[in-house]
Amino acid sequence: MTSLENTIKVKAQQLGYEACGIITAGIFEEFLMQLNTRSELFPHAKWFYEKLRKLAIPQEQIDWAKSIVVCVRRYDKYKIPDGFIGKVFVCDGRLNYSQEYKNNAAFEEFLQQLGFRTMPNVVPARWAAVKARLGN
């Protein structure tokens, strides 16, 4: 592991991520195959799967992309109050009032300070985690 890669991973852990991996910004072939399969199985939803196709080829959206930084966190560590409806929204990193959102923004700013250009959420997240060996 290079010292830059290690620096990125250490910062991710400091910001509450469970793990961090870095992969090449290549085509997600398996994701494309699954989109094709689902389009055939559910032709009425083909329009939906076609919209997702752009996620499989990140360099078509961002031609300057060379790598993908993948960070994961464990949601089972949160203590959600009983009777709470919509529990995911208590710890959803997409909501600007959550600590996860603030940590995501801090991590993106950190990468930019290192000289990287960033573009969040332009790949299939779970497939990227699998490629980075952070999930299955």
N, C-alpha and C. Protein backbone atom coordinates (compact mmCIF):
# COMPACT_ATOMS: atom_id res chain seq x y z
N MET A 1 0.84 -1.17 0.00
CA MET A 1 0.00 0.00 0.00
C MET A 1 0.89 1.25 0.00
N THR A 2 0.57 2.21 -0.85
CA THR A 2 1.36 3.44 -0.90
C THR A 2 1.03 4.31 0.30
N SER A 3 1.90 5.28 0.58
CA SER A 3 1.66 6.15 1.73
C SER A 3 0.43 7.03 1.47
N LEU A 4 0.18 7.41 0.22
CA LEU A 4 -1.01 8.20 -0.09
C LEU A 4 -2.28 7.38 0.15
N GLU A 5 -2.26 6.15 -0.31
CA GLU A 5 -3.40 5.25 -0.09
C GLU A 5 -3.63 5.07 1.42
N ASN A 6 -2.57 4.87 2.15
CA ASN A 6 -2.67 4.72 3.60
C ASN A 6 -3.23 5.98 4.25
N THR A 7 -2.78 7.15 3.82
CA THR A 7 -3.27 8.42 4.35
C THR A 7 -4.77 8.55 4.14
N ILE A 8 -5.24 8.18 2.96
CA ILE A 8 -6.67 8.25 2.65
C ILE A 8 -7.45 7.29 3.54
N LYS A 9 -6.96 6.08 3.71
CA LYS A 9 -7.65 5.09 4.52
C LYS A 9 -7.68 5.48 6.00
N VAL A 10 -6.61 6.05 6.50
CA VAL A 10 -6.57 6.51 7.89
C VAL A 10 -7.58 7.63 8.11
N LYS A 11 -7.64 8.57 7.19
CA LYS A 11 -8.60 9.67 7.30
C LYS A 11 -10.03 9.13 7.27
N ALA A 12 -10.30 8.16 6.43
CA ALA A 12 -11.63 7.56 6.37
C ALA A 12 -12.01 6.96 7.72
N GLN A 13 -11.09 6.27 8.34
CA GLN A 13 -11.37 5.69 9.66
C GLN A 13 -11.59 6.78 10.70
N GLN A 14 -10.81 7.84 10.64
CA GLN A 14 -10.98 8.95 11.58
C GLN A 14 -12.37 9.58 11.46
N LEU A 15 -12.91 9.53 10.27
CA LEU A 15 -14.24 10.12 10.04
C LEU A 15 -15.38 9.12 10.24
N GLY A 16 -15.07 7.97 10.80
CA GLY A 16 -16.11 7.03 11.18
C GLY A 16 -16.43 5.92 10.20
N TYR A 17 -15.69 5.85 9.11
CA TYR A 17 -15.92 4.74 8.18
C TYR A 17 -15.31 3.48 8.75
N GLU A 18 -15.97 2.37 8.51
CA GLU A 18 -15.49 1.07 8.99
C GLU A 18 -14.29 0.60 8.17
N ALA A 19 -14.35 0.86 6.86
CA ALA A 19 -13.28 0.43 5.96
C ALA A 19 -13.27 1.31 4.72
N CYS A 20 -12.14 1.31 4.05
CA CYS A 20 -11.97 2.11 2.84
C CYS A 20 -11.12 1.31 1.86
N GLY A 21 -11.50 1.36 0.59
CA GLY A 21 -10.74 0.69 -0.45
C GLY A 21 -10.65 1.59 -1.68
N ILE A 22 -9.67 1.36 -2.51
CA ILE A 22 -9.47 2.17 -3.72
C ILE A 22 -9.34 1.22 -4.90
N ILE A 23 -10.16 1.47 -5.92
CA ILE A 23 -10.17 0.61 -7.10
C ILE A 23 -10.02 1.46 -8.36
N THR A 24 -9.69 0.81 -9.45
CA THR A 24 -9.59 1.48 -10.75
C THR A 24 -10.98 1.85 -11.25
N ALA A 25 -11.08 2.98 -11.91
CA ALA A 25 -12.37 3.44 -12.44
C ALA A 25 -12.67 2.75 -13.76
N GLY A 26 -12.87 1.47 -13.69
CA GLY A 26 -13.17 0.68 -14.88
C GLY A 26 -14.65 0.40 -15.02
N ILE A 27 -14.98 -0.37 -16.03
CA ILE A 27 -16.38 -0.73 -16.30
C ILE A 27 -16.83 -1.80 -15.29
N PHE A 28 -18.04 -1.66 -14.83
CA PHE A 28 -18.65 -2.65 -13.93
C PHE A 28 -19.42 -3.65 -14.79
N GLU A 29 -18.67 -4.59 -15.37
CA GLU A 29 -19.24 -5.57 -16.30
C GLU A 29 -20.38 -6.38 -15.66
N GLU A 30 -20.15 -6.83 -14.43
CA GLU A 30 -21.16 -7.66 -13.75
C GLU A 30 -22.45 -6.88 -13.56
N PHE A 31 -22.34 -5.61 -13.23
CA PHE A 31 -23.50 -4.76 -13.05
C PHE A 31 -24.28 -4.62 -14.37
N LEU A 32 -23.54 -4.42 -15.47
CA LEU A 32 -24.18 -4.34 -16.79
C LEU A 32 -24.92 -5.65 -17.12
N MET A 33 -24.29 -6.77 -16.82
CA MET A 33 -24.94 -8.06 -17.09
C MET A 33 -26.23 -8.19 -16.28
N GLN A 34 -26.20 -7.77 -15.03
CA GLN A 34 -27.39 -7.85 -14.20
C GLN A 34 -28.50 -6.92 -14.70
N LEU A 35 -28.11 -5.75 -15.17
CA LEU A 35 -29.11 -4.84 -15.75
C LEU A 35 -29.77 -5.47 -16.97
N ASN A 36 -28.97 -6.11 -17.81
CA ASN A 36 -29.51 -6.79 -18.99
C ASN A 36 -30.46 -7.91 -18.58
N THR A 37 -30.05 -8.71 -17.62
CA THR A 37 -30.89 -9.81 -17.15
C THR A 37 -32.21 -9.30 -16.59
N ARG A 38 -32.13 -8.28 -15.77
CA ARG A 38 -33.36 -7.75 -15.17
C ARG A 38 -34.26 -7.09 -16.20
N SER A 39 -33.67 -6.46 -17.19
CA SER A 39 -34.47 -5.86 -18.26
C SER A 39 -35.26 -6.92 -19.02
N GLU A 40 -34.63 -8.09 -19.20
CA GLU A 40 -35.32 -9.20 -19.87
C GLU A 40 -36.39 -9.81 -18.98
N LEU A 41 -36.09 -9.96 -17.70
CA LEU A 41 -37.04 -10.56 -16.77
C LEU A 41 -38.24 -9.65 -16.48
N PHE A 42 -37.98 -8.35 -16.48
CA PHE A 42 -39.02 -7.37 -16.13
C PHE A 42 -39.09 -6.29 -17.21
N PRO A 43 -39.60 -6.64 -18.38
CA PRO A 43 -39.59 -5.69 -19.50
C PRO A 43 -40.36 -4.40 -19.20
N HIS A 44 -41.35 -4.47 -18.34
CA HIS A 44 -42.10 -3.27 -17.98
C HIS A 44 -41.24 -2.26 -17.20
N ALA A 45 -40.13 -2.71 -16.63
CA ALA A 45 -39.24 -1.84 -15.85
C ALA A 45 -37.94 -1.55 -16.59
N LYS A 46 -37.88 -1.88 -17.86
CA LYS A 46 -36.65 -1.69 -18.63
C LYS A 46 -36.17 -0.24 -18.59
N TRP A 47 -37.09 0.70 -18.64
CA TRP A 47 -36.74 2.13 -18.58
C TRP A 47 -35.92 2.45 -17.32
N PHE A 48 -36.28 1.80 -16.21
CA PHE A 48 -35.58 2.03 -14.95
C PHE A 48 -34.14 1.50 -15.02
N TYR A 49 -33.99 0.30 -15.53
CA TYR A 49 -32.65 -0.29 -15.63
C TYR A 49 -31.78 0.46 -16.64
N GLU A 50 -32.39 1.00 -17.66
CA GLU A 50 -31.63 1.80 -18.63
C GLU A 50 -31.07 3.06 -17.98
N LYS A 51 -31.82 3.65 -17.05
CA LYS A 51 -31.33 4.83 -16.34
C LYS A 51 -30.11 4.51 -15.48
N LEU A 52 -30.02 3.30 -14.99
CA LEU A 52 -28.90 2.89 -14.14
C LEU A 52 -27.65 2.54 -14.93
N ARG A 53 -27.80 2.30 -16.22
CA ARG A 53 -26.69 1.87 -17.06
C ARG A 53 -25.49 2.82 -16.99
N LYS A 54 -25.74 4.11 -16.86
CA LYS A 54 -24.63 5.08 -16.81
C LYS A 54 -23.71 4.85 -15.61
N LEU A 55 -24.25 4.25 -14.53
CA LEU A 55 -23.43 3.99 -13.35
C LEU A 55 -22.35 2.93 -13.62
N ALA A 56 -22.58 2.10 -14.62
CA ALA A 56 -21.67 0.99 -14.90
C ALA A 56 -20.39 1.42 -15.60
N ILE A 57 -20.40 2.60 -16.21
CA ILE A 57 -19.23 3.05 -16.96
C ILE A 57 -18.88 4.47 -16.48
N PRO A 58 -18.19 4.56 -15.35
CA PRO A 58 -17.93 5.88 -14.75
C PRO A 58 -17.17 6.84 -15.67
N GLN A 59 -16.28 6.33 -16.51
CA GLN A 59 -15.49 7.24 -17.34
C GLN A 59 -16.29 7.86 -18.48
N GLU A 60 -17.47 7.33 -18.76
CA GLU A 60 -18.34 8.01 -19.73
C GLU A 60 -18.94 9.27 -19.12
N GLN A 61 -19.15 9.26 -17.80
CA GLN A 61 -19.68 10.42 -17.11
C GLN A 61 -18.58 11.40 -16.73
N ILE A 62 -17.44 10.83 -16.32
CA ILE A 62 -16.32 11.63 -15.81
C ILE A 62 -15.06 11.11 -16.47
N ASP A 63 -14.70 11.70 -17.58
CA ASP A 63 -13.58 11.16 -18.36
C ASP A 63 -12.23 11.28 -17.66
N TRP A 64 -12.14 12.13 -16.65
CA TRP A 64 -10.88 12.29 -15.93
C TRP A 64 -10.71 11.29 -14.79
N ALA A 65 -11.73 10.50 -14.51
CA ALA A 65 -11.68 9.55 -13.38
C ALA A 65 -10.64 8.45 -13.64
N LYS A 66 -9.81 8.22 -12.67
CA LYS A 66 -8.81 7.15 -12.73
C LYS A 66 -9.05 6.10 -11.65
N SER A 67 -9.53 6.56 -10.49
CA SER A 67 -9.74 5.67 -9.34
C SER A 67 -11.07 5.98 -8.67
N ILE A 68 -11.52 5.01 -7.91
CA ILE A 68 -12.73 5.15 -7.13
C ILE A 68 -12.39 4.83 -5.68
N VAL A 69 -12.69 5.75 -4.80
CA VAL A 69 -12.49 5.53 -3.36
C VAL A 69 -13.83 5.07 -2.80
N VAL A 70 -13.82 3.91 -2.17
CA VAL A 70 -15.03 3.31 -1.62
C VAL A 70 -14.90 3.25 -0.11
N CYS A 71 -15.88 3.83 0.58
CA CYS A 71 -15.90 3.78 2.04
C CYS A 71 -17.21 3.16 2.50
N VAL A 72 -17.12 2.37 3.54
CA VAL A 72 -18.32 1.71 4.08
C VAL A 72 -18.41 1.99 5.58
N ARG A 73 -19.66 1.97 6.04
CA ARG A 73 -19.89 2.11 7.48
C ARG A 73 -20.92 1.08 7.91
N ARG A 74 -20.90 0.75 9.17
CA ARG A 74 -21.84 -0.22 9.72
C ARG A 74 -23.02 0.52 10.31
N TYR A 75 -24.18 0.16 9.86
CA TYR A 75 -25.39 0.80 10.40
C TYR A 75 -25.92 0.07 11.63
N ASP A 76 -25.41 -1.12 11.92
CA ASP A 76 -25.91 -1.82 13.09
C ASP A 76 -25.34 -1.29 14.40
N LYS A 77 -24.48 -0.31 14.33
CA LYS A 77 -23.90 0.25 15.55
C LYS A 77 -24.75 1.37 16.14
N TYR A 78 -25.78 1.80 15.42
CA TYR A 78 -26.61 2.90 15.88
C TYR A 78 -27.69 2.41 16.83
N LYS A 79 -28.00 3.22 17.83
CA LYS A 79 -29.08 2.95 18.76
C LYS A 79 -30.27 3.81 18.33
N ILE A 80 -31.23 3.18 17.69
CA ILE A 80 -32.41 3.88 17.18
C ILE A 80 -33.51 3.80 18.24
N PRO A 81 -34.11 4.92 18.59
CA PRO A 81 -35.18 4.88 19.60
C PRO A 81 -36.33 3.99 19.16
N ASP A 82 -36.91 3.26 20.10
CA ASP A 82 -38.07 2.42 19.81
C ASP A 82 -39.23 3.27 19.31
N GLY A 83 -40.01 2.69 18.42
CA GLY A 83 -41.18 3.39 17.91
C GLY A 83 -40.87 4.42 16.84
N PHE A 84 -39.61 4.53 16.46
CA PHE A 84 -39.22 5.51 15.45
C PHE A 84 -39.57 4.98 14.07
N ILE A 85 -40.27 5.78 13.30
CA ILE A 85 -40.64 5.38 11.94
C ILE A 85 -39.63 5.97 10.96
N GLY A 86 -39.26 5.21 9.97
CA GLY A 86 -38.26 5.68 9.01
C GLY A 86 -36.88 5.71 9.64
N LYS A 87 -36.52 4.63 10.31
CA LYS A 87 -35.29 4.58 11.09
C LYS A 87 -34.04 4.91 10.30
N VAL A 88 -34.02 4.56 9.02
CA VAL A 88 -32.81 4.82 8.22
C VAL A 88 -32.49 6.31 8.16
N PHE A 89 -33.50 7.15 8.29
CA PHE A 89 -33.26 8.57 8.18
C PHE A 89 -32.55 9.16 9.40
N VAL A 90 -32.43 8.39 10.46
CA VAL A 90 -31.69 8.85 11.63
C VAL A 90 -30.19 8.86 11.32
N CYS A 91 -29.74 7.95 10.45
CA CYS A 91 -28.31 7.81 10.18
C CYS A 91 -28.00 7.83 8.68
N ASP A 92 -28.85 8.44 7.88
CA ASP A 92 -28.68 8.48 6.43
C ASP A 92 -27.69 9.58 6.05
N GLY A 93 -26.60 9.17 5.41
CA GLY A 93 -25.55 10.11 5.03
C GLY A 93 -25.95 11.08 3.93
N ARG A 94 -27.13 10.93 3.35
CA ARG A 94 -27.58 11.86 2.31
C ARG A 94 -28.31 13.07 2.88
N LEU A 95 -28.62 13.03 4.17
CA LEU A 95 -29.39 14.11 4.79
C LEU A 95 -28.45 15.08 5.48
N ASN A 96 -28.54 16.36 5.12
CA ASN A 96 -27.53 17.33 5.54
C ASN A 96 -27.45 17.59 7.04
N TYR A 97 -28.42 17.14 7.82
CA TYR A 97 -28.35 17.33 9.26
C TYR A 97 -27.67 16.16 9.97
N SER A 98 -27.36 15.08 9.26
CA SER A 98 -26.77 13.91 9.91
C SER A 98 -25.26 14.05 10.04
N GLN A 99 -24.72 13.40 11.05
CA GLN A 99 -23.27 13.39 11.23
C GLN A 99 -22.59 12.70 10.05
N GLU A 100 -23.24 11.70 9.48
CA GLU A 100 -22.67 10.99 8.34
C GLU A 100 -22.51 11.93 7.15
N TYR A 101 -23.48 12.79 6.93
CA TYR A 101 -23.40 13.78 5.85
C TYR A 101 -22.19 14.69 6.07
N LYS A 102 -22.05 15.16 7.30
CA LYS A 102 -20.93 16.05 7.63
C LYS A 102 -19.59 15.33 7.44
N ASN A 103 -19.54 14.05 7.83
CA ASN A 103 -18.31 13.28 7.65
C ASN A 103 -18.02 13.05 6.16
N ASN A 104 -19.06 12.78 5.37
CA ASN A 104 -18.88 12.62 3.93
C ASN A 104 -18.30 13.89 3.32
N ALA A 105 -18.86 15.04 3.70
CA ALA A 105 -18.38 16.32 3.18
C ALA A 105 -16.93 16.57 3.60
N ALA A 106 -16.60 16.26 4.85
CA ALA A 106 -15.23 16.45 5.34
C ALA A 106 -14.25 15.54 4.58
N PHE A 107 -14.67 14.32 4.28
CA PHE A 107 -13.80 13.40 3.55
C PHE A 107 -13.58 13.88 2.12
N GLU A 108 -14.64 14.35 1.49
CA GLU A 108 -14.51 14.87 0.12
C GLU A 108 -13.59 16.09 0.11
N GLU A 109 -13.75 16.96 1.09
CA GLU A 109 -12.87 18.14 1.18
C GLU A 109 -11.42 17.72 1.41
N PHE A 110 -11.20 16.72 2.23
CA PHE A 110 -9.86 16.19 2.47
C PHE A 110 -9.22 15.70 1.17
N LEU A 111 -9.97 14.94 0.39
CA LEU A 111 -9.46 14.45 -0.89
C LEU A 111 -9.11 15.60 -1.83
N GLN A 112 -9.94 16.62 -1.84
CA GLN A 112 -9.68 17.78 -2.69
C GLN A 112 -8.43 18.53 -2.23
N GLN A 113 -8.23 18.59 -0.92
CA GLN A 113 -7.02 19.24 -0.40
C GLN A 113 -5.75 18.47 -0.78
N LEU A 114 -5.91 17.17 -1.00
CA LEU A 114 -4.79 16.36 -1.47
C LEU A 114 -4.53 16.55 -2.96
N GLY A 115 -5.43 17.28 -3.63
CA GLY A 115 -5.25 17.55 -5.06
C GLY A 115 -6.13 16.72 -5.97
N PHE A 116 -7.04 15.95 -5.40
CA PHE A 116 -7.93 15.11 -6.21
C PHE A 116 -9.21 15.86 -6.58
N ARG A 117 -9.70 15.56 -7.76
CA ARG A 117 -11.05 16.00 -8.12
C ARG A 117 -12.00 14.92 -7.64
N THR A 118 -13.17 15.33 -7.20
CA THR A 118 -14.11 14.34 -6.66
C THR A 118 -15.47 14.48 -7.34
N MET A 119 -16.16 13.36 -7.36
CA MET A 119 -17.53 13.31 -7.89
C MET A 119 -18.22 12.17 -7.15
N PRO A 120 -19.03 12.49 -6.15
CA PRO A 120 -19.64 11.41 -5.36
C PRO A 120 -20.83 10.76 -6.07
N ASN A 121 -21.06 9.51 -5.71
CA ASN A 121 -22.28 8.78 -6.09
C ASN A 121 -22.50 8.64 -7.60
N VAL A 122 -21.46 8.25 -8.32
CA VAL A 122 -21.62 8.07 -9.77
C VAL A 122 -21.28 6.65 -10.22
N VAL A 123 -21.21 5.75 -9.26
CA VAL A 123 -20.99 4.33 -9.56
C VAL A 123 -21.98 3.52 -8.74
N PRO A 124 -22.21 2.26 -9.12
CA PRO A 124 -23.09 1.42 -8.30
C PRO A 124 -22.38 1.10 -6.98
N ALA A 125 -22.85 1.69 -5.90
CA ALA A 125 -22.15 1.65 -4.62
C ALA A 125 -21.85 0.24 -4.12
N ARG A 126 -22.83 -0.63 -4.14
CA ARG A 126 -22.61 -1.98 -3.60
C ARG A 126 -21.64 -2.76 -4.47
N TRP A 127 -21.73 -2.59 -5.78
CA TRP A 127 -20.81 -3.29 -6.69
C TRP A 127 -19.39 -2.76 -6.50
N ALA A 128 -19.26 -1.45 -6.26
CA ALA A 128 -17.93 -0.88 -6.02
C ALA A 128 -17.35 -1.44 -4.72
N ALA A 129 -18.19 -1.58 -3.71
CA ALA A 129 -17.71 -2.14 -2.44
C ALA A 129 -17.23 -3.58 -2.63
N VAL A 130 -17.93 -4.34 -3.43
CA VAL A 130 -17.51 -5.72 -3.70
C VAL A 130 -16.16 -5.73 -4.42
N LYS A 131 -16.02 -4.87 -5.44
CA LYS A 131 -14.75 -4.82 -6.17
C LYS A 131 -13.59 -4.39 -5.27
N ALA A 132 -13.90 -3.54 -4.28
CA ALA A 132 -12.86 -3.08 -3.35
C ALA A 132 -12.66 -4.07 -2.21
N ARG A 133 -13.35 -5.21 -2.27
CA ARG A 133 -13.27 -6.27 -1.26
C ARG A 133 -13.73 -5.80 0.12
N LEU A 134 -14.76 -4.95 0.10
CA LEU A 134 -15.32 -4.45 1.35
C LEU A 134 -16.73 -4.99 1.59
N GLY A 135 -17.21 -5.81 0.70
CA GLY A 135 -18.56 -6.37 0.82
C GLY A 135 -18.68 -7.60 -0.03
N ASN A 136 -19.87 -8.18 -0.03
CA ASN A 136 -20.12 -9.35 -0.86
C ASN A 136 -21.52 -9.31 -1.43
